[in-house]
Amino acid sequence: MRGDQIGTARLDEACDTFQEEWKYGSDKIKELIDSVKDGVESNKKGYEEVEDALEKAFQQIAAQTTSGGTGGSR
């Protein structure tokens, strides 16, 4: 339904303005959501990298412990 189908010229203009502002607002919301999505994906990648590094470190520690390595001198 178009604004010019509603009635008076003033009402038609108000409806058209509303549609334009609504589209502008919804476009801005989409941009913000995309930005948040990118941030979440970046954080997820960072956490995965930390988890991988920790897993490797623990595996190395476990390998040194089970292979009889001294792990350093005291």
N, C-alpha and C. Protein backbone atom coordinates (compact mmCIF):
# COMPACT_ATOMS: atom_id res chain seq x y z
N MET A 1 0.85 -1.17 0.00
CA MET A 1 0.00 0.00 0.00
C MET A 1 0.89 1.24 0.00
N ARG A 2 0.59 2.17 -0.84
CA ARG A 2 1.34 3.42 -0.93
C ARG A 2 0.66 4.50 -0.13
N GLY A 3 1.49 5.45 0.33
CA GLY A 3 0.97 6.57 1.09
C GLY A 3 -0.05 7.38 0.32
N ASP A 4 0.10 7.47 -1.01
CA ASP A 4 -0.83 8.28 -1.80
C ASP A 4 -2.19 7.63 -1.95
N GLN A 5 -2.36 6.45 -1.40
CA GLN A 5 -3.65 5.78 -1.45
C GLN A 5 -4.46 6.01 -0.18
N ILE A 6 -3.90 6.73 0.78
CA ILE A 6 -4.53 6.88 2.09
C ILE A 6 -5.60 7.96 2.09
N GLY A 7 -5.24 9.13 1.59
CA GLY A 7 -6.23 10.22 1.67
C GLY A 7 -5.62 11.56 1.35
N THR A 8 -5.60 12.46 2.32
CA THR A 8 -5.17 13.84 2.10
C THR A 8 -3.69 13.92 1.73
N ALA A 9 -3.33 15.03 1.11
CA ALA A 9 -1.93 15.24 0.70
C ALA A 9 -1.02 15.25 1.93
N ARG A 10 -1.47 15.86 3.01
CA ARG A 10 -0.66 15.93 4.24
C ARG A 10 -0.44 14.53 4.82
N LEU A 11 -1.47 13.73 4.83
CA LEU A 11 -1.35 12.37 5.33
C LEU A 11 -0.47 11.54 4.40
N ASP A 12 -0.64 11.74 3.10
CA ASP A 12 0.20 11.02 2.13
C ASP A 12 1.68 11.36 2.35
N GLU A 13 1.97 12.65 2.55
CA GLU A 13 3.34 13.08 2.79
C GLU A 13 3.89 12.48 4.08
N ALA A 14 3.09 12.46 5.12
CA ALA A 14 3.51 11.88 6.39
C ALA A 14 3.82 10.39 6.24
N CYS A 15 3.00 9.69 5.49
CA CYS A 15 3.23 8.26 5.26
C CYS A 15 4.52 8.03 4.47
N ASP A 16 4.75 8.85 3.45
CA ASP A 16 5.98 8.70 2.66
C ASP A 16 7.21 9.00 3.51
N THR A 17 7.13 10.04 4.34
CA THR A 17 8.25 10.39 5.22
C THR A 17 8.52 9.25 6.19
N PHE A 18 7.46 8.70 6.75
CA PHE A 18 7.62 7.59 7.68
C PHE A 18 8.32 6.41 7.00
N GLN A 19 7.89 6.08 5.79
CA GLN A 19 8.51 4.97 5.07
C GLN A 19 9.99 5.22 4.83
N GLU A 20 10.35 6.43 4.45
CA GLU A 20 11.75 6.76 4.20
C GLU A 20 12.57 6.64 5.48
N GLU A 21 12.03 7.19 6.57
CA GLU A 21 12.75 7.14 7.85
C GLU A 21 12.84 5.71 8.37
N TRP A 22 11.80 4.94 8.18
CA TRP A 22 11.79 3.54 8.62
C TRP A 22 12.87 2.77 7.87
N LYS A 23 12.96 2.97 6.55
CA LYS A 23 13.98 2.28 5.76
C LYS A 23 15.38 2.71 6.22
N TYR A 24 15.59 4.00 6.43
CA TYR A 24 16.87 4.49 6.89
C TYR A 24 17.23 3.84 8.23
N GLY A 25 16.28 3.82 9.15
CA GLY A 25 16.52 3.23 10.47
C GLY A 25 16.79 1.74 10.39
N SER A 26 16.05 1.04 9.58
CA SER A 26 16.27 -0.41 9.46
C SER A 26 17.61 -0.71 8.79
N ASP A 27 18.02 0.13 7.86
CA ASP A 27 19.35 -0.04 7.25
C ASP A 27 20.45 0.18 8.29
N LYS A 28 20.29 1.19 9.15
CA LYS A 28 21.29 1.45 10.20
C LYS A 28 21.34 0.29 11.19
N ILE A 29 20.20 -0.25 11.55
CA ILE A 29 20.16 -1.39 12.47
C ILE A 29 20.88 -2.58 11.84
N LYS A 30 20.67 -2.82 10.55
CA LYS A 30 21.35 -3.91 9.86
C LYS A 30 22.87 -3.71 9.90
N GLU A 31 23.32 -2.47 9.68
CA GLU A 31 24.76 -2.19 9.74
C GLU A 31 25.32 -2.50 11.13
N LEU A 32 24.58 -2.10 12.17
CA LEU A 32 25.04 -2.36 13.54
C LEU A 32 25.05 -3.85 13.85
N ILE A 33 24.05 -4.57 13.40
CA ILE A 33 23.99 -6.01 13.62
C ILE A 33 25.16 -6.69 12.91
N ASP A 34 25.45 -6.27 11.68
CA ASP A 34 26.58 -6.84 10.94
C ASP A 34 27.89 -6.57 11.68
N SER A 35 28.02 -5.38 12.24
CA SER A 35 29.22 -5.03 12.99
C SER A 35 29.37 -5.91 14.23
N VAL A 36 28.27 -6.11 14.95
CA VAL A 36 28.30 -6.98 16.14
C VAL A 36 28.64 -8.41 15.73
N LYS A 37 28.05 -8.87 14.64
CA LYS A 37 28.32 -10.22 14.14
C LYS A 37 29.80 -10.39 13.84
N ASP A 38 30.39 -9.40 13.18
CA ASP A 38 31.82 -9.47 12.87
C ASP A 38 32.65 -9.53 14.14
N GLY A 39 32.27 -8.74 15.14
CA GLY A 39 32.98 -8.75 16.41
C GLY A 39 32.89 -10.08 17.12
N VAL A 40 31.72 -10.67 17.12
CA VAL A 40 31.52 -11.98 17.76
C VAL A 40 32.35 -13.04 17.04
N GLU A 41 32.36 -13.02 15.72
CA GLU A 41 33.15 -13.99 14.97
C GLU A 41 34.64 -13.82 15.25
N SER A 42 35.09 -12.57 15.36
CA SER A 42 36.48 -12.31 15.66
C SER A 42 36.84 -12.81 17.06
N ASN A 43 35.97 -12.56 18.02
CA ASN A 43 36.20 -13.06 19.39
C ASN A 43 36.23 -14.58 19.43
N LYS A 44 35.33 -15.20 18.70
CA LYS A 44 35.28 -16.67 18.64
C LYS A 44 36.61 -17.21 18.11
N LYS A 45 37.11 -16.59 17.05
CA LYS A 45 38.38 -17.04 16.47
C LYS A 45 39.51 -16.87 17.49
N GLY A 46 39.51 -15.76 18.21
CA GLY A 46 40.53 -15.53 19.23
C GLY A 46 40.48 -16.58 20.33
N TYR A 47 39.29 -16.89 20.81
CA TYR A 47 39.15 -17.92 21.84
C TYR A 47 39.62 -19.29 21.34
N GLU A 48 39.29 -19.60 20.09
CA GLU A 48 39.71 -20.88 19.52
C GLU A 48 41.24 -20.95 19.45
N GLU A 49 41.88 -19.85 19.09
CA GLU A 49 43.34 -19.83 19.01
C GLU A 49 43.96 -20.02 20.40
N VAL A 50 43.38 -19.39 21.41
CA VAL A 50 43.87 -19.55 22.79
C VAL A 50 43.68 -20.99 23.24
N GLU A 51 42.52 -21.57 22.97
CA GLU A 51 42.26 -22.96 23.36
C GLU A 51 43.24 -23.91 22.68
N ASP A 52 43.50 -23.68 21.39
CA ASP A 52 44.45 -24.54 20.67
C ASP A 52 45.85 -24.42 21.28
N ALA A 53 46.27 -23.20 21.58
CA ALA A 53 47.60 -23.01 22.18
C ALA A 53 47.69 -23.66 23.55
N LEU A 54 46.64 -23.54 24.35
CA LEU A 54 46.64 -24.19 25.67
C LEU A 54 46.68 -25.70 25.54
N GLU A 55 45.92 -26.24 24.61
CA GLU A 55 45.91 -27.68 24.40
C GLU A 55 47.31 -28.18 24.03
N LYS A 56 47.97 -27.49 23.12
CA LYS A 56 49.31 -27.88 22.72
C LYS A 56 50.29 -27.78 23.90
N ALA A 57 50.17 -26.71 24.67
CA ALA A 57 51.06 -26.55 25.83
C ALA A 57 50.85 -27.68 26.83
N PHE A 58 49.61 -28.01 27.11
CA PHE A 58 49.33 -29.11 28.05
C PHE A 58 49.81 -30.45 27.51
N GLN A 59 49.68 -30.65 26.21
CA GLN A 59 50.18 -31.89 25.60
C GLN A 59 51.69 -31.98 25.72
N GLN A 60 52.38 -30.87 25.52
CA GLN A 60 53.83 -30.87 25.67
C GLN A 60 54.24 -31.15 27.11
N ILE A 61 53.53 -30.55 28.05
CA ILE A 61 53.82 -30.79 29.47
C ILE A 61 53.59 -32.26 29.81
N ALA A 62 52.49 -32.80 29.31
CA ALA A 62 52.17 -34.21 29.58
C ALA A 62 53.22 -35.12 28.95
N ALA A 63 53.67 -34.79 27.76
CA ALA A 63 54.68 -35.61 27.08
C ALA A 63 55.99 -35.56 27.84
N GLN A 64 56.38 -34.41 28.34
CA GLN A 64 57.62 -34.29 29.11
C GLN A 64 57.51 -35.05 30.42
N THR A 65 56.37 -35.00 31.03
CA THR A 65 56.16 -35.68 32.32
C THR A 65 56.19 -37.19 32.16
N THR A 66 55.54 -37.69 31.11
CA THR A 66 55.48 -39.14 30.92
C THR A 66 56.76 -39.70 30.28
N SER A 67 57.56 -38.85 29.62
CA SER A 67 58.77 -39.36 28.99
C SER A 67 59.98 -39.31 29.94
N GLY A 68 59.74 -38.85 31.15
CA GLY A 68 60.82 -38.82 32.13
C GLY A 68 61.66 -37.59 32.03
N GLY A 69 61.20 -36.60 31.29
CA GLY A 69 61.94 -35.36 31.21
C GLY A 69 62.02 -34.68 32.58
N THR A 70 63.08 -33.99 32.81
CA THR A 70 63.25 -33.37 34.12
C THR A 70 62.44 -32.10 34.24
N GLY A 71 62.15 -31.48 33.10
CA GLY A 71 61.35 -30.27 33.15
C GLY A 71 62.12 -29.08 33.70
N GLY A 72 63.42 -29.21 33.81
CA GLY A 72 64.23 -28.12 34.34
C GLY A 72 65.01 -28.61 35.55
N SER A 73 65.99 -27.84 35.96
CA SER A 73 66.78 -28.24 37.12
C SER A 73 66.45 -27.42 38.33
N ARG A 74 66.69 -27.98 39.53
CA ARG A 74 66.43 -27.25 40.77
C ARG A 74 67.65 -27.25 41.61
